[in-house]
Protein backbone atom coordinates (compact mmCIF):
# COMPACT_ATOMS: atom_id res chain seq x y z
CA MET A 1 4.22 19.78 -17.57
CA LYS A 2 3.65 16.07 -18.20
CA PHE A 3 5.76 13.17 -19.17
CA SER A 4 5.32 9.46 -19.06
CA LEU A 5 8.31 7.01 -19.25
CA PRO A 6 7.86 4.01 -21.43
CA VAL A 7 7.04 0.75 -19.70
CA VAL A 8 10.33 -0.77 -20.75
CA ILE A 9 12.26 1.96 -18.96
CA VAL A 10 10.23 1.53 -15.78
CA ALA A 11 11.00 -2.29 -16.02
CA ILE A 12 14.61 -1.55 -16.32
CA ALA A 13 14.53 0.77 -13.36
CA MET A 14 12.76 -1.87 -11.24
CA ALA A 15 15.38 -4.49 -12.18
CA ALA A 16 18.19 -2.05 -11.26
CA THR A 17 16.71 -1.16 -7.93
CA ALA A 18 16.34 -4.82 -7.07
CA ALA A 19 20.06 -4.95 -6.94
CA PHE A 20 19.88 -2.96 -3.75
CA ALA A 21 17.96 -5.61 -1.98
CA GLY A 22 19.41 -6.42 1.41
CA ALA A 23 18.75 -6.83 5.12
CA VAL A 24 16.77 -4.17 6.85
CA ARG A 25 16.10 -3.30 10.61
CA THR A 26 12.77 -2.19 11.81
CA GLU A 27 11.68 -0.32 14.96
CA LYS A 28 7.93 0.19 15.65
CA GLY A 29 5.71 2.34 17.70
CA ILE A 30 8.11 5.31 18.33
CA PRO A 31 6.32 8.34 19.64
CA TYR A 32 6.99 11.48 17.57
CA SER A 33 4.45 13.78 19.58
CA GLU A 34 2.90 13.74 23.01
CA ARG A 35 -0.46 13.42 21.36
CA ALA A 36 -2.11 10.08 21.86
CA GLY A 37 -1.67 7.70 18.80
CA CYS A 38 1.03 9.72 17.21
CA VAL A 39 3.63 7.10 16.61
CA LEU A 40 5.78 6.06 13.67
CA ASP A 41 7.71 3.03 12.45
CA VAL A 42 11.29 3.21 11.09
CA ARG A 43 12.77 0.75 8.54
CA VAL A 44 16.45 1.30 7.83
CA PRO A 45 19.06 -0.68 5.71
CA GLU A 46 21.47 -2.70 7.85
CA GLY A 47 25.13 -1.99 7.47
CA GLU A 48 24.65 1.27 5.48
CA THR A 49 25.11 5.00 6.37
CA ASN A 50 24.08 8.27 4.86
CA PHE A 51 21.15 6.62 3.09
CA PRO A 52 18.05 8.48 1.98
CA THR A 53 14.66 8.25 3.75
CA VAL A 54 11.10 8.40 2.59
CA VAL A 55 8.49 9.61 5.11
CA TRP A 56 5.36 7.81 4.01
CA LEU A 57 1.87 9.28 4.83
CA HIS A 58 -0.88 6.70 4.28
CA GLY A 59 -4.08 7.27 2.42
CA GLY A 60 -7.71 6.83 3.57
CA GLY A 61 -9.46 10.13 2.96
CA LEU A 62 -8.14 11.53 6.20
CA THR A 63 -10.82 9.34 7.96
CA GLY A 64 -9.30 5.82 7.71
CA GLY A 65 -6.11 3.87 6.94
CA SER A 66 -3.08 3.22 9.11
CA ARG A 67 0.66 3.41 8.89
CA HIS A 68 2.58 1.01 6.67
CA PHE A 69 5.77 0.68 4.65
CA VAL A 70 5.79 0.93 0.89
CA PRO A 71 7.15 -2.29 -0.76
CA LEU A 72 9.93 -0.57 -2.68
CA ALA A 73 12.49 -2.76 -4.51
CA ASP A 74 15.30 -0.52 -3.34
CA THR A 75 15.82 -1.60 0.32
CA GLY A 76 18.68 0.87 0.58
CA ILE A 77 16.06 3.56 1.01
CA ALA A 78 14.92 3.93 4.56
CA GLN A 79 11.29 4.50 5.35
CA VAL A 80 9.29 6.22 8.14
CA ALA A 81 5.72 5.08 8.38
CA VAL A 82 3.48 7.63 10.09
CA GLU A 83 0.30 7.14 12.19
CA TYR A 84 -1.59 10.49 12.34
CA ARG A 85 -4.80 11.43 13.80
CA LEU A 86 -7.94 11.05 11.61
CA LEU A 87 -10.94 13.36 11.19
CA GLY A 88 -13.66 11.93 13.51
CA LYS A 89 -11.07 9.81 15.25
CA GLY A 90 -8.98 12.05 17.33
CA ALA A 91 -8.54 14.92 14.97
CA ALA A 92 -11.04 17.85 15.40
CA GLU A 93 -10.02 19.53 12.23
CA ALA A 94 -7.66 19.37 9.24
CA ALA A 95 -4.99 21.35 11.23
CA ASP A 96 -4.63 18.33 13.46
CA CYS A 97 -3.96 15.95 10.55
CA ILE A 98 -1.61 18.34 8.92
CA GLY A 99 0.14 19.20 12.20
CA ASP A 100 0.69 15.55 12.91
CA ALA A 101 2.18 14.97 9.51
CA ALA A 102 4.52 18.02 9.99
CA ALA A 103 5.65 16.78 13.48
CA ALA A 104 6.47 13.40 11.98
CA VAL A 105 8.57 14.99 9.26
CA ALA A 106 10.25 17.24 11.81
CA TRP A 107 11.00 14.25 14.01
CA THR A 108 12.62 12.42 10.97
CA LEU A 109 14.76 15.45 10.01
CA ALA A 110 15.96 15.63 13.68
CA HIS A 111 16.44 11.94 14.32
CA ILE A 112 17.14 9.95 11.16
CA ALA A 113 20.96 10.64 11.58
CA GLU A 114 20.76 8.55 14.78
CA TYR A 115 19.87 5.54 12.60
CA GLY A 116 22.64 6.21 10.08
CA GLY A 117 20.49 8.28 7.56
CA ASP A 118 21.36 11.46 5.86
CA PRO A 119 19.16 14.26 7.19
CA ALA A 120 19.73 16.23 4.01
CA ARG A 121 18.00 13.43 1.98
CA VAL A 122 14.61 13.11 3.64
CA PHE A 123 11.87 12.89 1.11
CA VAL A 124 8.05 13.00 1.92
CA SER A 125 5.44 10.96 0.04
CA GLY A 126 2.05 9.61 0.26
CA HIS A 127 -0.94 8.27 -1.57
CA SER A 128 -4.33 10.01 -1.82
CA ALA A 129 -5.01 11.73 1.54
CA GLY A 130 -1.33 11.11 2.39
CA ALA A 131 -0.43 12.93 -0.85
CA TYR A 132 -2.61 15.94 0.22
CA LEU A 133 -0.66 16.08 3.58
CA THR A 134 2.63 15.70 1.70
CA MET A 135 1.85 18.76 -0.28
CA MET A 136 0.41 20.82 2.60
CA VAL A 137 3.49 20.12 4.83
CA GLY A 138 5.95 20.67 2.02
CA MET A 139 4.49 23.54 0.19
CA ASP A 140 3.05 25.72 3.08
CA PRO A 141 6.04 26.59 5.44
CA GLN A 142 3.86 27.33 8.49
CA TRP A 143 3.26 23.79 9.35
CA LEU A 144 6.90 22.75 9.80
CA ALA A 145 7.73 26.12 11.30
CA ALA A 146 5.26 25.39 14.07
CA VAL A 147 7.35 22.45 15.12
CA GLY A 148 10.75 24.03 14.79
CA ALA A 149 11.68 22.94 11.30
CA LYS A 150 11.72 24.24 7.76
CA ASN A 151 9.98 22.87 4.64
CA THR A 152 13.13 23.68 2.69
CA ASP A 153 14.97 21.13 4.67
CA ILE A 154 13.00 18.39 2.82
CA ALA A 155 14.84 16.86 -0.10
CA GLY A 156 11.76 16.43 -2.18
CA LEU A 157 7.99 15.88 -2.27
CA ILE A 158 6.30 12.93 -3.98
CA PRO A 159 2.53 13.17 -3.77
CA ILE A 160 0.60 10.33 -5.41
CA SER A 161 -2.99 11.03 -6.51
CA GLY A 162 -3.41 13.82 -3.94
CA GLN A 163 -6.24 16.40 -3.96
CA ALA A 164 -4.64 19.76 -5.08
CA THR A 165 -7.76 21.72 -4.21
CA LYS A 166 -9.25 21.75 -0.64
CA HIS A 167 -9.66 18.05 0.41
CA TYR A 168 -13.31 17.05 0.16
CA ASN A 169 -13.28 15.54 3.64
CA VAL A 170 -11.65 18.68 5.09
CA ARG A 171 -14.56 20.57 3.55
CA LYS A 172 -17.16 18.03 4.89
CA PHE A 173 -15.94 18.09 8.46
CA SER A 174 -15.89 21.98 8.39
CA GLY A 175 -19.56 22.01 7.44
CA ASP A 176 -19.14 22.54 3.72
CA GLY A 177 -22.19 21.04 2.21
CA ASP A 178 -21.42 21.97 -1.48
CA PRO A 179 -20.85 19.22 -4.11
CA GLN A 180 -17.72 17.09 -3.63
CA TYR A 181 -16.31 17.89 -7.12
CA GLN A 182 -16.82 21.73 -6.70
CA PRO A 183 -13.26 23.05 -6.39
CA LYS A 184 -12.41 25.07 -3.43
CA ILE A 185 -9.03 26.90 -3.04
CA ASP A 186 -8.05 28.60 0.27
CA GLY A 187 -5.23 28.09 2.72
CA LEU A 188 -6.06 24.44 3.13
CA ALA A 189 -5.63 23.79 -0.57
CA PRO A 190 -2.12 22.92 -2.01
CA LEU A 191 -2.95 25.05 -4.96
CA ALA A 192 -3.03 28.13 -2.78
CA HIS A 193 0.65 27.58 -2.09
CA VAL A 194 2.18 27.17 -5.57
CA GLY A 195 5.46 28.97 -6.07
CA LYS A 196 9.11 28.38 -6.52
CA ASP A 197 10.44 28.42 -2.98
CA PHE A 198 9.64 24.93 -1.65
CA PRO A 199 11.36 21.54 -2.32
CA PRO A 200 11.54 19.66 -5.57
CA ILE A 201 8.34 18.03 -6.33
CA VAL A 202 7.08 15.17 -8.44
CA SER A 203 3.33 14.71 -8.55
CA ILE A 204 2.18 11.27 -9.87
CA CYS A 205 -1.32 10.56 -10.93
CA GLY A 206 -3.34 7.84 -12.79
CA GLU A 207 -4.67 8.45 -16.25
CA PRO A 208 -8.12 9.96 -16.86
CA PRO A 209 -10.77 8.71 -17.05
CA TYR A 210 -9.56 5.80 -14.80
CA GLU A 211 -8.23 8.16 -12.18
CA TRP A 212 -10.34 9.85 -9.53
CA LYS A 213 -12.44 12.60 -11.19
CA ALA A 214 -10.46 15.80 -11.75
CA ARG A 215 -7.56 14.44 -9.70
CA ALA A 216 -5.05 14.43 -12.68
CA GLU A 217 -6.15 17.74 -13.89
CA GLU A 218 -5.74 19.38 -10.53
CA ASN A 219 -2.23 18.09 -10.26
CA ARG A 220 -1.37 19.10 -13.75
CA LEU A 221 -2.51 22.65 -12.91
CA LEU A 222 -0.47 22.72 -9.65
CA ILE A 223 2.75 21.60 -11.45
CA ALA A 224 2.23 23.88 -14.38
CA SER A 225 1.61 26.75 -12.02
CA CYS A 226 4.77 26.09 -10.13
CA VAL A 227 6.77 25.91 -13.35
CA ALA A 228 5.21 29.20 -14.54
CA MET A 229 6.25 30.81 -11.31
CA GLY A 230 9.92 29.70 -11.58
CA HIS A 231 10.12 26.47 -9.59
CA SER A 232 13.40 24.76 -10.62
CA PHE A 233 12.22 21.14 -10.30
CA ALA A 234 8.39 20.50 -10.58
CA ARG A 235 7.42 17.48 -12.58
CA TYR A 236 4.08 15.72 -13.40
CA VAL A 237 4.05 11.97 -14.13
CA GLU A 238 0.85 10.25 -15.36
CA CYS A 239 0.75 6.45 -15.14
CA PRO A 240 -1.10 4.99 -18.15
CA LEU A 241 -4.26 3.04 -17.50
CA CYS A 242 -3.98 3.44 -13.76
CA ASP A 243 -6.91 4.32 -11.58
CA HIS A 244 -6.75 5.93 -8.13
CA GLY A 245 -5.77 2.52 -6.43
CA ARG A 246 -3.43 1.09 -9.10
CA VAL A 247 -1.31 4.30 -9.27
CA ALA A 248 -0.03 3.70 -5.78
CA ALA A 249 1.89 0.60 -7.06
CA ALA A 250 2.71 2.21 -10.42
CA ALA A 251 4.44 5.15 -8.70
CA ARG A 252 7.04 3.06 -6.78
CA PRO A 253 9.74 3.01 -9.58
CA TYR A 254 9.35 6.85 -9.90
CA ILE A 255 9.79 7.26 -6.14
CA GLU A 256 12.98 5.18 -6.35
CA MET A 257 14.36 7.12 -9.35
CA PHE A 258 13.50 10.56 -7.82
CA VAL A 259 15.15 9.53 -4.51
CA ARG A 260 18.22 8.28 -6.30
CA GLY A 261 18.46 11.34 -8.49
CA LYS A 262 17.67 9.50 -11.66
CA LEU A 263 14.35 11.10 -12.68
CA PRO A 264 14.75 13.36 -15.64
């Protein structure tokens, strides 16, 4: 399932969300786990309550990157920026990265009400490796169950250019020497967990041939498979002329529309 909103509609959406612009409050370096380096930053709108929240998982191939907020026009949406362990830098295997992401989501579900947020409106998003983690945490219930939460408590998933097959660095660090673009699907691949019983999902990718090789095609298959299996809200959005990097910025209006319940 694929659709692409015209540029004019996206521009209107960006202008509309700008109306939410207001003061925000930020708290940094909050531990969400006893593991070293597992901290997060919280940014919430001042003077508001029952606001939605986006948990943002950064990209970097699971080997680099660091936590940061997304420059959304809609400052009425709270954000939780997550630092998770990286392969080769504290994480021994993929389960460490995914487990950290799950622990951060569980922390948000348990604590965002203390900041005035609505725990029933916690969304999870990320770009590239962060999108892979978004899908694994949101689609495979074992990861949140391990930290006392449920994936069905997430309001929605917004992976941006994430690998739907087994992540190439997950394969590399486990000793898999096969070619990078040879698709592998096992328990560490989001495609292994397609179905109808996980939260609403909007997968956003750039347009081939600009996007990372096979990335858009993998995500089309993931969404099409979820729809075929009866998922009630699985959408695929392709951003015209966007490569793997540019799609991160192009996705922002779609994040805002989905969080605000305005995405078709």
